[in-house]
């Protein structure tokens, strides 16, 4: 069994935002030479998520509105965590959206359903962030 590790570097210009990372993960899979196995993709930061869903702008807007009703960014004073930092809402949003995705690798391709894509969702951006891609298989 082989394993392959790669990090993506991202820096979003705003506090929150979505990035479709499907092609970047497929490129890492191509580099790995692995044809059958599993790919794990996770942010190396506690205020970001990786998830699988449809690449549809209306849905992305719905995520943002829904998450903001669950854990509004402001007022910062509503959160016990906020003091030195002002990102308690980002931690909560990450918990709701999840940490990582695992995708089957079949014949050298990410084995997705029809509309499935991989996304990085940043909740506390404007600085360098890393995403781990770990692929194992044959």
N, C-alpha and C. Protein backbone atom coordinates (compact mmCIF):
# COMPACT_ATOMS: atom_id res chain seq x y z
N UNK A 1 0.84 -1.18 0.00
CA UNK A 1 0.00 0.00 0.00
C UNK A 1 0.89 1.24 0.00
N UNK A 2 0.50 2.22 -0.79
CA UNK A 2 1.21 3.49 -0.86
C UNK A 2 0.43 4.56 -0.10
N UNK A 3 1.16 5.59 0.32
CA UNK A 3 0.49 6.77 0.86
C UNK A 3 1.13 8.01 0.26
N UNK A 4 0.35 9.05 0.16
CA UNK A 4 0.79 10.30 -0.44
C UNK A 4 0.20 11.44 0.39
N UNK A 5 1.02 12.45 0.64
CA UNK A 5 0.58 13.61 1.44
C UNK A 5 0.90 14.88 0.69
N UNK A 6 -0.06 15.78 0.68
CA UNK A 6 0.14 17.10 0.07
C UNK A 6 -0.65 18.12 0.85
N UNK A 7 -0.15 19.34 0.92
CA UNK A 7 -0.88 20.44 1.54
C UNK A 7 -1.23 21.49 0.49
N UNK A 8 -2.47 21.95 0.54
CA UNK A 8 -2.89 23.11 -0.24
C UNK A 8 -2.76 24.33 0.64
N UNK A 9 -2.35 25.44 0.08
CA UNK A 9 -2.28 26.70 0.82
C UNK A 9 -3.39 27.61 0.28
N UNK A 10 -4.18 28.16 1.20
CA UNK A 10 -5.27 29.06 0.82
C UNK A 10 -5.21 30.32 1.67
N UNK A 11 -5.62 31.42 1.09
CA UNK A 11 -5.79 32.67 1.84
C UNK A 11 -6.98 33.39 1.23
N UNK A 12 -8.09 33.35 1.95
CA UNK A 12 -9.29 34.03 1.46
C UNK A 12 -9.24 35.51 1.81
N UNK A 13 -9.73 36.37 0.93
CA UNK A 13 -9.65 37.81 1.16
C UNK A 13 -10.68 38.35 2.16
N UNK A 14 -11.66 37.51 2.52
CA UNK A 14 -12.70 37.92 3.46
C UNK A 14 -12.72 36.95 4.64
N UNK A 15 -13.49 37.30 5.64
CA UNK A 15 -13.60 36.45 6.84
C UNK A 15 -14.17 35.07 6.50
N UNK A 16 -15.21 35.03 5.65
CA UNK A 16 -15.84 33.76 5.30
C UNK A 16 -15.88 33.60 3.79
N UNK A 17 -15.82 32.35 3.36
CA UNK A 17 -15.94 32.09 1.94
C UNK A 17 -15.74 30.63 1.61
N UNK A 18 -16.25 30.25 0.45
CA UNK A 18 -16.17 28.88 -0.06
C UNK A 18 -15.21 28.81 -1.24
N UNK A 19 -14.45 27.71 -1.28
CA UNK A 19 -13.56 27.45 -2.42
C UNK A 19 -13.79 26.02 -2.87
N UNK A 20 -14.07 25.84 -4.15
CA UNK A 20 -14.19 24.50 -4.71
C UNK A 20 -12.77 23.97 -4.91
N UNK A 21 -12.42 22.91 -4.19
CA UNK A 21 -11.07 22.36 -4.25
C UNK A 21 -11.02 21.01 -4.98
N UNK A 22 -12.10 20.67 -5.67
CA UNK A 22 -12.18 19.37 -6.33
C UNK A 22 -11.02 19.15 -7.29
N UNK A 23 -10.75 20.10 -8.15
CA UNK A 23 -9.68 19.93 -9.15
C UNK A 23 -8.31 19.85 -8.50
N UNK A 24 -8.09 20.61 -7.44
CA UNK A 24 -6.79 20.56 -6.73
C UNK A 24 -6.58 19.19 -6.08
N UNK A 25 -7.64 18.62 -5.54
CA UNK A 25 -7.53 17.29 -4.93
C UNK A 25 -7.33 16.23 -6.00
N UNK A 26 -8.02 16.36 -7.13
CA UNK A 26 -7.81 15.41 -8.23
C UNK A 26 -6.38 15.51 -8.74
N UNK A 27 -5.84 16.73 -8.81
CA UNK A 27 -4.44 16.90 -9.26
C UNK A 27 -3.48 16.20 -8.29
N UNK A 28 -3.75 16.30 -6.99
CA UNK A 28 -2.92 15.60 -6.01
C UNK A 28 -3.03 14.09 -6.20
N UNK A 29 -4.24 13.62 -6.47
CA UNK A 29 -4.44 12.20 -6.73
C UNK A 29 -3.65 11.76 -7.96
N UNK A 30 -3.68 12.57 -9.00
CA UNK A 30 -2.91 12.26 -10.21
C UNK A 30 -1.42 12.17 -9.89
N UNK A 31 -0.92 13.12 -9.09
CA UNK A 31 0.50 13.13 -8.69
C UNK A 31 0.86 11.88 -7.89
N UNK A 32 -0.08 11.40 -7.10
CA UNK A 32 0.19 10.27 -6.21
C UNK A 32 0.41 8.96 -6.95
N UNK A 33 -0.20 8.82 -8.11
CA UNK A 33 -0.14 7.57 -8.85
C UNK A 33 -1.04 6.48 -8.28
N UNK A 34 -1.78 6.79 -7.25
CA UNK A 34 -2.68 5.81 -6.63
C UNK A 34 -3.94 5.69 -7.48
N UNK A 35 -4.34 4.46 -7.78
CA UNK A 35 -5.49 4.21 -8.64
C UNK A 35 -6.72 3.72 -7.87
N UNK A 36 -6.48 3.03 -6.74
CA UNK A 36 -7.58 2.49 -5.92
C UNK A 36 -7.26 2.75 -4.45
N UNK A 37 -8.20 3.36 -3.73
CA UNK A 37 -7.95 3.63 -2.32
C UNK A 37 -8.90 4.67 -1.76
N UNK A 38 -8.37 5.50 -0.88
CA UNK A 38 -9.15 6.54 -0.21
C UNK A 38 -8.36 7.83 -0.14
N UNK A 39 -9.08 8.94 -0.23
CA UNK A 39 -8.48 10.26 -0.07
C UNK A 39 -9.16 10.93 1.12
N UNK A 40 -8.35 11.38 2.07
CA UNK A 40 -8.81 12.16 3.21
C UNK A 40 -8.42 13.61 2.97
N UNK A 41 -9.38 14.51 3.14
CA UNK A 41 -9.12 15.93 2.95
C UNK A 41 -9.62 16.66 4.18
N UNK A 42 -8.71 17.37 4.87
CA UNK A 42 -9.13 18.12 6.04
C UNK A 42 -8.32 19.40 6.22
N UNK A 43 -8.99 20.44 6.73
CA UNK A 43 -8.26 21.67 7.01
C UNK A 43 -7.39 21.46 8.25
N UNK A 44 -6.25 22.10 8.27
CA UNK A 44 -5.37 22.02 9.43
C UNK A 44 -5.60 23.22 10.34
N UNK A 45 -6.85 23.64 10.41
CA UNK A 45 -7.25 24.80 11.22
C UNK A 45 -8.65 24.53 11.80
N UNK A 46 -8.88 24.97 13.00
CA UNK A 46 -10.11 24.68 13.73
C UNK A 46 -11.29 25.57 13.31
N UNK A 47 -11.04 26.54 12.43
CA UNK A 47 -12.10 27.45 12.01
C UNK A 47 -12.40 27.33 10.51
N UNK A 48 -12.23 26.12 9.97
CA UNK A 48 -12.53 25.87 8.57
C UNK A 48 -13.06 24.44 8.43
N UNK A 49 -13.81 24.19 7.37
CA UNK A 49 -14.40 22.88 7.11
C UNK A 49 -14.10 22.43 5.71
N UNK A 50 -14.13 21.12 5.55
CA UNK A 50 -14.15 20.49 4.23
C UNK A 50 -15.47 19.73 4.16
N UNK A 51 -16.19 19.88 3.07
CA UNK A 51 -17.43 19.14 2.93
C UNK A 51 -17.70 18.87 1.45
N UNK A 52 -18.65 17.98 1.20
CA UNK A 52 -19.04 17.61 -0.15
C UNK A 52 -20.48 18.05 -0.37
N UNK A 53 -20.69 18.77 -1.48
CA UNK A 53 -22.04 19.16 -1.83
C UNK A 53 -22.04 19.65 -3.27
N UNK A 54 -23.14 20.25 -3.67
CA UNK A 54 -23.34 20.76 -5.02
C UNK A 54 -22.66 22.12 -5.17
N UNK A 55 -22.08 22.38 -6.34
CA UNK A 55 -21.46 23.68 -6.61
C UNK A 55 -22.50 24.60 -7.24
N UNK A 56 -23.40 25.09 -6.40
CA UNK A 56 -24.52 25.91 -6.86
C UNK A 56 -24.55 27.17 -6.01
N UNK A 57 -24.41 28.35 -6.61
CA UNK A 57 -24.30 29.60 -5.84
C UNK A 57 -25.47 29.86 -4.89
N UNK A 58 -26.68 29.51 -5.28
CA UNK A 58 -27.82 29.71 -4.38
C UNK A 58 -27.68 28.89 -3.12
N UNK A 59 -27.24 27.66 -3.27
CA UNK A 59 -27.01 26.80 -2.11
C UNK A 59 -25.91 27.37 -1.22
N UNK A 60 -24.85 27.88 -1.83
CA UNK A 60 -23.76 28.48 -1.05
C UNK A 60 -24.26 29.67 -0.25
N UNK A 61 -25.11 30.45 -0.85
CA UNK A 61 -25.71 31.59 -0.15
C UNK A 61 -26.62 31.10 0.98
N UNK A 62 -27.34 30.02 0.74
CA UNK A 62 -28.19 29.43 1.79
C UNK A 62 -27.35 28.96 2.97
N UNK A 63 -26.20 28.32 2.70
CA UNK A 63 -25.31 27.91 3.80
C UNK A 63 -24.93 29.11 4.65
N UNK A 64 -24.53 30.18 3.99
CA UNK A 64 -24.07 31.37 4.71
C UNK A 64 -25.19 31.94 5.59
N UNK A 65 -26.39 32.09 5.04
CA UNK A 65 -27.51 32.64 5.81
C UNK A 65 -27.87 31.71 6.97
N UNK A 66 -27.94 30.42 6.71
CA UNK A 66 -28.30 29.44 7.73
C UNK A 66 -27.28 29.42 8.86
N UNK A 67 -26.01 29.38 8.51
CA UNK A 67 -24.97 29.36 9.55
C UNK A 67 -24.96 30.65 10.36
N UNK A 68 -25.25 31.75 9.71
CA UNK A 68 -25.26 33.04 10.42
C UNK A 68 -26.45 33.11 11.38
N UNK A 69 -27.55 32.42 11.10
CA UNK A 69 -28.65 32.38 12.07
C UNK A 69 -28.31 31.47 13.24
N UNK A 70 -27.56 30.39 12.98
CA UNK A 70 -27.17 29.47 14.06
C UNK A 70 -26.10 30.06 14.98
N UNK A 71 -25.12 30.74 14.38
CA UNK A 71 -23.99 31.28 15.14
C UNK A 71 -23.58 32.62 14.54
N UNK A 72 -24.34 33.68 14.85
CA UNK A 72 -24.03 34.98 14.26
C UNK A 72 -22.65 35.48 14.69
N UNK A 73 -21.96 36.11 13.76
CA UNK A 73 -20.63 36.64 14.06
C UNK A 73 -20.68 37.70 15.16
N UNK A 74 -21.67 38.61 15.07
CA UNK A 74 -21.74 39.73 16.02
C UNK A 74 -23.06 39.69 16.77
N UNK A 75 -23.14 40.23 17.95
CA UNK A 75 -22.07 40.92 18.67
C UNK A 75 -21.05 39.93 19.24
N UNK A 76 -19.80 40.30 19.17
CA UNK A 76 -18.73 39.44 19.66
C UNK A 76 -18.89 39.12 21.14
N UNK A 77 -19.50 40.04 21.87
CA UNK A 77 -19.65 39.87 23.32
C UNK A 77 -20.60 38.74 23.72
N UNK A 78 -21.37 38.19 22.77
CA UNK A 78 -22.30 37.11 23.11
C UNK A 78 -21.59 35.78 23.40
N UNK A 79 -20.30 35.69 23.09
CA UNK A 79 -19.57 34.43 23.23
C UNK A 79 -18.53 34.50 24.34
N UNK A 80 -18.52 33.49 25.20
CA UNK A 80 -17.53 33.42 26.27
C UNK A 80 -16.11 33.24 25.71
N UNK A 81 -15.98 32.59 24.56
CA UNK A 81 -14.66 32.36 23.94
C UNK A 81 -13.99 33.66 23.53
N UNK A 82 -14.82 34.63 23.08
CA UNK A 82 -14.24 35.87 22.57
C UNK A 82 -13.66 36.70 23.70
N UNK A 83 -12.49 37.13 23.50
CA UNK A 83 -11.74 37.94 24.45
C UNK A 83 -10.51 38.40 23.70
N UNK A 84 -9.52 37.52 23.69
CA UNK A 84 -8.32 37.79 22.89
C UNK A 84 -8.65 37.72 21.41
N UNK A 85 -9.52 36.78 21.04
CA UNK A 85 -9.93 36.62 19.65
C UNK A 85 -11.42 36.95 19.52
N UNK A 86 -11.88 37.08 18.28
CA UNK A 86 -13.30 37.35 18.03
C UNK A 86 -13.88 36.31 17.08
N UNK A 87 -13.47 35.04 17.26
CA UNK A 87 -13.86 34.04 16.27
C UNK A 87 -14.66 32.87 16.83
N UNK A 88 -15.34 33.06 17.93
CA UNK A 88 -16.14 31.97 18.50
C UNK A 88 -17.16 31.45 17.49
N UNK A 89 -17.78 32.35 16.74
CA UNK A 89 -18.75 31.92 15.73
C UNK A 89 -18.11 31.00 14.70
N UNK A 90 -16.86 31.24 14.35
CA UNK A 90 -16.16 30.41 13.36
C UNK A 90 -15.98 28.99 13.88
N UNK A 91 -15.67 28.85 15.16
CA UNK A 91 -15.54 27.52 15.76
C UNK A 91 -16.87 26.77 15.72
N UNK A 92 -17.95 27.47 16.02
CA UNK A 92 -19.27 26.84 16.03
C UNK A 92 -19.71 26.45 14.62
N UNK A 93 -19.47 27.33 13.66
CA UNK A 93 -19.84 27.04 12.27
C UNK A 93 -19.06 25.83 11.75
N UNK A 94 -17.79 25.73 12.11
CA UNK A 94 -16.99 24.58 11.70
C UNK A 94 -17.57 23.29 12.28
N UNK A 95 -18.02 23.35 13.52
CA UNK A 95 -18.59 22.16 14.14
C UNK A 95 -19.83 21.69 13.38
N UNK A 96 -20.64 22.61 12.94
CA UNK A 96 -21.86 22.26 12.19
C UNK A 96 -21.51 21.70 10.81
N UNK A 97 -20.56 22.30 10.11
CA UNK A 97 -20.24 21.89 8.75
C UNK A 97 -19.28 20.70 8.70
N UNK A 98 -18.65 20.39 9.80
CA UNK A 98 -17.79 19.21 9.84
C UNK A 98 -16.33 19.53 9.60
N UNK A 99 -15.51 18.52 9.86
CA UNK A 99 -14.07 18.69 9.78
C UNK A 99 -13.50 18.28 8.43
N UNK A 100 -13.83 17.05 7.98
CA UNK A 100 -13.14 16.50 6.82
C UNK A 100 -14.09 15.74 5.91
N UNK A 101 -13.53 15.35 4.77
CA UNK A 101 -14.23 14.47 3.85
C UNK A 101 -13.30 13.33 3.49
N UNK A 102 -13.87 12.16 3.31
CA UNK A 102 -13.15 11.00 2.81
C UNK A 102 -13.85 10.60 1.51
N UNK A 103 -13.05 10.43 0.46
CA UNK A 103 -13.60 10.12 -0.85
C UNK A 103 -12.94 8.85 -1.38
N UNK A 104 -13.74 7.94 -1.89
CA UNK A 104 -13.21 6.74 -2.53
C UNK A 104 -12.45 7.13 -3.80
N UNK A 105 -11.38 6.39 -4.06
CA UNK A 105 -10.60 6.55 -5.29
C UNK A 105 -10.81 5.28 -6.12
N UNK A 106 -11.30 5.46 -7.33
CA UNK A 106 -11.57 4.34 -8.23
C UNK A 106 -10.99 4.66 -9.61
N UNK A 107 -10.13 3.79 -10.07
CA UNK A 107 -9.49 3.97 -11.39
C UNK A 107 -8.83 5.33 -11.51
N UNK A 108 -8.20 5.79 -10.42
CA UNK A 108 -7.46 7.04 -10.43
C UNK A 108 -8.29 8.30 -10.37
N UNK A 109 -9.58 8.16 -10.09
CA UNK A 109 -10.48 9.33 -10.03
C UNK A 109 -11.20 9.38 -8.69
N UNK A 110 -11.54 10.59 -8.26
CA UNK A 110 -12.38 10.75 -7.08
C UNK A 110 -13.76 10.20 -7.45
N UNK A 111 -14.26 9.29 -6.65
CA UNK A 111 -15.48 8.55 -6.98
C UNK A 111 -16.70 9.27 -6.38
N UNK A 112 -17.21 10.25 -7.14
CA UNK A 112 -18.31 11.10 -6.70
C UNK A 112 -19.62 10.72 -7.36
N UNK A 113 -20.71 11.13 -6.71
CA UNK A 113 -22.02 11.10 -7.34
C UNK A 113 -22.11 12.23 -8.35
N UNK A 114 -23.22 12.32 -9.03
CA UNK A 114 -23.39 13.22 -10.16
C UNK A 114 -23.01 14.68 -9.87
N UNK A 115 -23.49 15.24 -8.78
CA UNK A 115 -23.29 16.67 -8.53
C UNK A 115 -22.28 16.95 -7.42
N UNK A 116 -21.68 15.91 -6.88
CA UNK A 116 -20.78 16.10 -5.73
C UNK A 116 -19.47 16.77 -6.11
N UNK A 117 -19.10 17.73 -5.27
CA UNK A 117 -17.85 18.47 -5.39
C UNK A 117 -17.28 18.66 -3.98
N UNK A 118 -15.99 18.90 -3.88
CA UNK A 118 -15.32 19.13 -2.59
C UNK A 118 -15.16 20.63 -2.36
N UNK A 119 -15.48 21.06 -1.14
CA UNK A 119 -15.36 22.47 -0.80
C UNK A 119 -14.57 22.69 0.47
N UNK A 120 -13.82 23.76 0.46
CA UNK A 120 -13.19 24.32 1.65
C UNK A 120 -14.06 25.50 2.05
N UNK A 121 -14.49 25.51 3.31
CA UNK A 121 -15.32 26.62 3.81
C UNK A 121 -14.56 27.30 4.93
N UNK A 122 -14.19 28.53 4.69
CA UNK A 122 -13.41 29.32 5.65
C UNK A 122 -14.36 30.18 6.48
N UNK A 123 -14.17 30.16 7.80
CA UNK A 123 -15.01 30.95 8.71
C UNK A 123 -14.25 32.04 9.43
N UNK A 124 -12.93 32.09 9.29
CA UNK A 124 -12.10 33.10 9.97
C UNK A 124 -10.87 33.36 9.11
N UNK A 125 -11.09 33.93 7.93
CA UNK A 125 -10.06 34.05 6.93
C UNK A 125 -9.15 35.25 7.03
N UNK A 126 -8.63 35.62 5.88
CA UNK A 126 -7.71 36.74 5.71
C UNK A 126 -6.31 36.45 6.23
N UNK A 127 -5.98 35.17 6.30
CA UNK A 127 -4.61 34.77 6.62
C UNK A 127 -4.36 33.40 6.00
N UNK A 128 -3.10 33.02 5.92
CA UNK A 128 -2.74 31.75 5.28
C UNK A 128 -3.31 30.58 6.05
N UNK A 129 -3.90 29.64 5.30
CA UNK A 129 -4.47 28.42 5.88
C UNK A 129 -4.00 27.24 5.04
N UNK A 130 -3.96 26.07 5.67
CA UNK A 130 -3.51 24.85 5.01
C UNK A 130 -4.61 23.79 4.99
N UNK A 131 -4.62 23.01 3.93
CA UNK A 131 -5.54 21.88 3.79
C UNK A 131 -4.69 20.65 3.52
N UNK A 132 -4.90 19.61 4.31
CA UNK A 132 -4.18 18.36 4.14
C UNK A 132 -4.94 17.44 3.19
N UNK A 133 -4.19 16.87 2.24
CA UNK A 133 -4.70 15.80 1.38
C UNK A 133 -3.85 14.58 1.67
N UNK A 134 -4.46 13.53 2.15
CA UNK A 134 -3.76 12.28 2.44
C UNK A 134 -4.45 11.17 1.66
N UNK A 135 -3.68 10.52 0.77
CA UNK A 135 -4.23 9.49 -0.10
C UNK A 135 -3.52 8.18 0.20
N UNK A 136 -4.31 7.13 0.42
CA UNK A 136 -3.72 5.81 0.64
C UNK A 136 -4.36 4.82 -0.33
N UNK A 137 -3.57 3.87 -0.76
CA UNK A 137 -4.10 2.86 -1.65
C UNK A 137 -3.03 2.24 -2.52
N UNK A 138 -3.47 1.66 -3.60
CA UNK A 138 -2.57 0.95 -4.54
C UNK A 138 -2.56 1.65 -5.88
